[in-house]
Amino acid sequence: MSFKCDKCGLCCKSLKLMGKLYSDLDNGNGCCKYLNINNNLCSIYEKRPLKCRIEEGYKVYFPSIPYEIYLKKTEEGCKKLKEIWGQNKDGQNLI
């Protein structure tokens, strides 16, 4: 079981909603300083911080939560961001 990211970039555009853990990545407007806004992809993907790696980050930052619950919460958060930003599950704008 793993998280299937569709690379919409909304988590990287919503750091203020993601909590203190990601505050050091904020470019000042709530967006990750490493997000390429032209394609919504991480400009340092291969060297991105551990906290941005779902599976590996879980082991360090959230080991007290059962992995299945962690994945469920991650998926729920992703879905909520899409609702907030007005996108469907495939990243297409609804508004």
N, C-alpha and C. Protein backbone atom coordinates (compact mmCIF):
# COMPACT_ATOMS: atom_id res chain seq x y z
N MET A 1 0.84 -1.18 0.00
CA MET A 1 0.00 0.00 0.00
C MET A 1 0.89 1.25 0.00
N SER A 2 0.61 2.16 -0.92
CA SER A 2 1.39 3.39 -0.98
C SER A 2 0.50 4.53 -1.47
N PHE A 3 0.97 5.73 -1.29
CA PHE A 3 0.25 6.93 -1.71
C PHE A 3 0.53 7.17 -3.18
N LYS A 4 -0.51 7.40 -3.96
CA LYS A 4 -0.38 7.66 -5.40
C LYS A 4 -0.51 9.17 -5.65
N CYS A 5 0.61 9.83 -5.82
CA CYS A 5 0.63 11.28 -6.07
C CYS A 5 0.36 11.54 -7.55
N ASP A 6 -0.55 12.47 -7.84
CA ASP A 6 -0.82 12.83 -9.23
C ASP A 6 -0.06 14.08 -9.67
N LYS A 7 0.81 14.56 -8.80
CA LYS A 7 1.72 15.69 -9.10
C LYS A 7 0.98 16.97 -9.46
N CYS A 8 -0.11 17.25 -8.74
CA CYS A 8 -0.86 18.48 -8.99
C CYS A 8 -0.17 19.70 -8.39
N GLY A 9 0.70 19.47 -7.39
CA GLY A 9 1.44 20.57 -6.78
C GLY A 9 0.69 21.34 -5.71
N LEU A 10 -0.54 20.93 -5.40
CA LEU A 10 -1.33 21.70 -4.44
C LEU A 10 -0.76 21.66 -3.03
N CYS A 11 -0.17 20.55 -2.63
CA CYS A 11 0.43 20.51 -1.29
C CYS A 11 1.60 21.50 -1.23
N CYS A 12 2.32 21.64 -2.32
CA CYS A 12 3.46 22.55 -2.37
C CYS A 12 3.02 24.01 -2.48
N LYS A 13 1.78 24.23 -2.90
CA LYS A 13 1.23 25.58 -2.99
C LYS A 13 0.46 25.96 -1.73
N SER A 14 0.36 25.04 -0.78
CA SER A 14 -0.48 25.24 0.40
C SER A 14 0.28 25.02 1.70
N LEU A 15 1.53 25.44 1.76
CA LEU A 15 2.35 25.16 2.93
C LEU A 15 1.78 25.74 4.22
N LYS A 16 1.10 26.86 4.13
CA LYS A 16 0.52 27.46 5.34
C LYS A 16 -0.55 26.55 5.95
N LEU A 17 -1.14 25.70 5.14
CA LEU A 17 -2.14 24.74 5.63
C LEU A 17 -1.50 23.43 6.08
N MET A 18 -0.25 23.24 5.76
CA MET A 18 0.43 21.97 6.03
C MET A 18 1.07 21.90 7.41
N GLY A 19 1.16 23.01 8.11
CA GLY A 19 1.72 23.00 9.46
C GLY A 19 3.16 23.48 9.52
N LYS A 20 3.65 23.57 10.74
CA LYS A 20 5.00 24.10 11.01
C LYS A 20 6.11 23.27 10.39
N LEU A 21 5.88 21.99 10.22
CA LEU A 21 6.90 21.10 9.68
C LEU A 21 7.45 21.61 8.35
N TYR A 22 6.60 22.27 7.57
CA TYR A 22 6.99 22.71 6.22
C TYR A 22 7.31 24.21 6.13
N SER A 23 7.30 24.90 7.25
CA SER A 23 7.47 26.36 7.23
C SER A 23 8.81 26.81 6.65
N ASP A 24 9.84 26.01 6.80
CA ASP A 24 11.15 26.40 6.26
C ASP A 24 11.21 26.34 4.73
N LEU A 25 10.21 25.71 4.12
CA LEU A 25 10.16 25.62 2.65
C LEU A 25 9.36 26.75 2.02
N ASP A 26 8.66 27.51 2.85
CA ASP A 26 7.78 28.58 2.39
C ASP A 26 8.58 29.72 1.77
N ASN A 27 8.22 30.10 0.55
CA ASN A 27 8.91 31.19 -0.12
C ASN A 27 8.38 32.57 0.30
N GLY A 28 7.46 32.60 1.23
CA GLY A 28 6.91 33.85 1.73
C GLY A 28 5.45 34.05 1.39
N ASN A 29 4.97 33.29 0.43
CA ASN A 29 3.55 33.41 0.06
C ASN A 29 2.79 32.09 0.22
N GLY A 30 3.37 31.18 1.00
CA GLY A 30 2.72 29.91 1.25
C GLY A 30 3.05 28.83 0.26
N CYS A 31 3.87 29.16 -0.71
CA CYS A 31 4.25 28.21 -1.76
C CYS A 31 5.69 27.73 -1.50
N CYS A 32 5.95 26.48 -1.83
CA CYS A 32 7.29 25.94 -1.63
C CYS A 32 8.29 26.64 -2.55
N LYS A 33 9.42 26.98 -1.98
CA LYS A 33 10.45 27.67 -2.76
C LYS A 33 11.05 26.79 -3.85
N TYR A 34 10.80 25.49 -3.79
CA TYR A 34 11.35 24.58 -4.79
C TYR A 34 10.32 24.17 -5.86
N LEU A 35 9.11 24.66 -5.75
CA LEU A 35 8.09 24.31 -6.73
C LEU A 35 8.27 25.11 -8.01
N ASN A 36 8.33 24.42 -9.11
CA ASN A 36 8.36 25.06 -10.42
C ASN A 36 6.91 25.37 -10.77
N ILE A 37 6.51 26.62 -10.74
CA ILE A 37 5.11 26.97 -10.95
C ILE A 37 4.65 26.79 -12.39
N ASN A 38 5.58 26.62 -13.31
CA ASN A 38 5.22 26.40 -14.71
C ASN A 38 4.70 24.98 -14.97
N ASN A 39 5.20 24.02 -14.19
CA ASN A 39 4.77 22.63 -14.42
C ASN A 39 4.29 21.93 -13.15
N ASN A 40 4.26 22.65 -12.02
CA ASN A 40 3.82 22.12 -10.72
C ASN A 40 4.68 20.97 -10.22
N LEU A 41 5.91 20.89 -10.65
CA LEU A 41 6.81 19.84 -10.20
C LEU A 41 7.91 20.40 -9.33
N CYS A 42 8.46 19.56 -8.49
CA CYS A 42 9.55 19.96 -7.61
C CYS A 42 10.83 20.12 -8.42
N SER A 43 11.48 21.25 -8.24
CA SER A 43 12.72 21.51 -8.98
C SER A 43 13.91 20.75 -8.40
N ILE A 44 13.75 20.19 -7.20
CA ILE A 44 14.83 19.41 -6.58
C ILE A 44 14.32 18.01 -6.21
N TYR A 45 13.41 17.48 -7.00
CA TYR A 45 12.71 16.24 -6.66
C TYR A 45 13.64 15.13 -6.17
N GLU A 46 14.71 14.86 -6.87
CA GLU A 46 15.62 13.78 -6.47
C GLU A 46 16.33 14.07 -5.15
N LYS A 47 16.42 15.34 -4.78
CA LYS A 47 17.09 15.73 -3.53
C LYS A 47 16.14 16.43 -2.56
N ARG A 48 14.82 16.23 -2.75
CA ARG A 48 13.84 16.90 -1.91
C ARG A 48 13.99 16.46 -0.46
N PRO A 49 13.57 17.32 0.47
CA PRO A 49 13.70 16.99 1.89
C PRO A 49 12.96 15.71 2.25
N LEU A 50 13.44 15.05 3.28
CA LEU A 50 12.83 13.82 3.75
C LEU A 50 11.35 14.01 4.08
N LYS A 51 11.01 15.16 4.64
CA LYS A 51 9.61 15.41 5.01
C LYS A 51 8.68 15.47 3.80
N CYS A 52 9.23 15.62 2.62
CA CYS A 52 8.43 15.65 1.39
C CYS A 52 8.30 14.28 0.74
N ARG A 53 8.91 13.30 1.33
CA ARG A 53 8.87 11.92 0.82
C ARG A 53 7.88 11.14 1.67
N ILE A 54 6.75 10.80 1.09
CA ILE A 54 5.66 10.18 1.84
C ILE A 54 6.13 8.95 2.63
N GLU A 55 6.67 7.97 1.97
CA GLU A 55 7.04 6.73 2.65
C GLU A 55 8.21 6.92 3.61
N GLU A 56 9.30 7.52 3.13
CA GLU A 56 10.48 7.68 3.98
C GLU A 56 10.23 8.66 5.12
N GLY A 57 9.49 9.72 4.84
CA GLY A 57 9.19 10.72 5.86
C GLY A 57 8.32 10.16 6.98
N TYR A 58 7.44 9.25 6.63
CA TYR A 58 6.59 8.61 7.63
C TYR A 58 7.43 7.99 8.74
N LYS A 59 8.46 7.27 8.35
CA LYS A 59 9.30 6.54 9.31
C LYS A 59 9.98 7.46 10.31
N VAL A 60 10.28 8.69 9.91
CA VAL A 60 10.97 9.64 10.78
C VAL A 60 10.01 10.55 11.54
N TYR A 61 9.01 11.08 10.83
CA TYR A 61 8.14 12.10 11.41
C TYR A 61 6.86 11.57 12.05
N PHE A 62 6.36 10.43 11.60
CA PHE A 62 5.07 9.95 12.10
C PHE A 62 5.05 8.46 12.46
N PRO A 63 6.12 7.91 13.01
CA PRO A 63 6.15 6.46 13.26
C PRO A 63 5.14 5.96 14.30
N SER A 64 4.62 6.86 15.10
CA SER A 64 3.66 6.43 16.13
C SER A 64 2.25 6.21 15.57
N ILE A 65 2.02 6.64 14.35
CA ILE A 65 0.73 6.45 13.70
C ILE A 65 0.81 5.18 12.85
N PRO A 66 -0.18 4.31 12.91
CA PRO A 66 -0.15 3.15 12.00
C PRO A 66 -0.07 3.62 10.55
N TYR A 67 0.74 2.93 9.76
CA TYR A 67 1.01 3.35 8.39
C TYR A 67 -0.27 3.50 7.56
N GLU A 68 -1.21 2.59 7.73
CA GLU A 68 -2.47 2.65 6.98
C GLU A 68 -3.25 3.92 7.32
N ILE A 69 -3.23 4.31 8.60
CA ILE A 69 -3.91 5.55 9.03
C ILE A 69 -3.19 6.75 8.44
N TYR A 70 -1.87 6.74 8.47
CA TYR A 70 -1.07 7.82 7.89
C TYR A 70 -1.39 8.01 6.41
N LEU A 71 -1.45 6.92 5.66
CA LEU A 71 -1.78 7.01 4.23
C LEU A 71 -3.20 7.54 4.04
N LYS A 72 -4.13 7.06 4.84
CA LYS A 72 -5.51 7.52 4.74
C LYS A 72 -5.60 9.02 5.01
N LYS A 73 -4.92 9.49 6.04
CA LYS A 73 -4.92 10.93 6.37
C LYS A 73 -4.25 11.73 5.27
N THR A 74 -3.19 11.21 4.69
CA THR A 74 -2.51 11.89 3.58
C THR A 74 -3.45 12.02 2.39
N GLU A 75 -4.14 10.95 2.06
CA GLU A 75 -5.09 10.97 0.94
C GLU A 75 -6.26 11.93 1.22
N GLU A 76 -6.74 11.94 2.46
CA GLU A 76 -7.82 12.86 2.84
C GLU A 76 -7.36 14.30 2.71
N GLY A 77 -6.11 14.58 3.15
CA GLY A 77 -5.57 15.93 3.04
C GLY A 77 -5.43 16.35 1.58
N CYS A 78 -4.99 15.46 0.75
CA CYS A 78 -4.86 15.74 -0.68
C CYS A 78 -6.23 16.06 -1.28
N LYS A 79 -7.20 15.25 -0.96
CA LYS A 79 -8.57 15.48 -1.45
C LYS A 79 -9.10 16.83 -0.98
N LYS A 80 -8.84 17.17 0.28
CA LYS A 80 -9.31 18.45 0.84
C LYS A 80 -8.64 19.62 0.12
N LEU A 81 -7.35 19.52 -0.17
CA LEU A 81 -6.66 20.59 -0.90
C LEU A 81 -7.28 20.77 -2.28
N LYS A 82 -7.63 19.69 -2.94
CA LYS A 82 -8.27 19.79 -4.26
C LYS A 82 -9.62 20.48 -4.15
N GLU A 83 -10.36 20.20 -3.07
CA GLU A 83 -11.64 20.88 -2.85
C GLU A 83 -11.42 22.37 -2.62
N ILE A 84 -10.45 22.71 -1.80
CA ILE A 84 -10.14 24.11 -1.50
C ILE A 84 -9.74 24.86 -2.76
N TRP A 85 -8.92 24.24 -3.59
CA TRP A 85 -8.41 24.87 -4.80
C TRP A 85 -9.36 24.70 -5.98
N GLY A 86 -10.47 23.97 -5.81
CA GLY A 86 -11.44 23.81 -6.89
C GLY A 86 -10.98 22.92 -8.01
N GLN A 87 -10.36 21.79 -7.67
CA GLN A 87 -9.90 20.85 -8.70
C GLN A 87 -10.52 19.49 -8.46
N ASN A 88 -10.65 18.73 -9.54
CA ASN A 88 -11.13 17.36 -9.39
C ASN A 88 -9.96 16.45 -9.03
N LYS A 89 -10.23 15.16 -8.87
CA LYS A 89 -9.20 14.23 -8.43
C LYS A 89 -8.04 14.08 -9.42
N ASP A 90 -8.23 14.50 -10.67
CA ASP A 90 -7.19 14.42 -11.68
C ASP A 90 -6.44 15.74 -11.86
N GLY A 91 -6.72 16.71 -11.01
CA GLY A 91 -6.01 17.98 -11.07
C GLY A 91 -6.57 18.98 -12.06
N GLN A 92 -7.74 18.69 -12.64
CA GLN A 92 -8.34 19.62 -13.59
C GLN A 92 -9.17 20.65 -12.84
N ASN A 93 -9.08 21.91 -13.23
CA ASN A 93 -9.82 22.97 -12.56
C ASN A 93 -11.32 22.79 -12.75
N LEU A 94 -12.04 22.97 -11.67
CA LEU A 94 -13.49 22.88 -11.70
C LEU A 94 -14.14 24.26 -11.82
N ILE A 95 -13.38 25.29 -11.44
CA ILE A 95 -13.92 26.66 -11.51
C ILE A 95 -13.01 27.52 -12.36
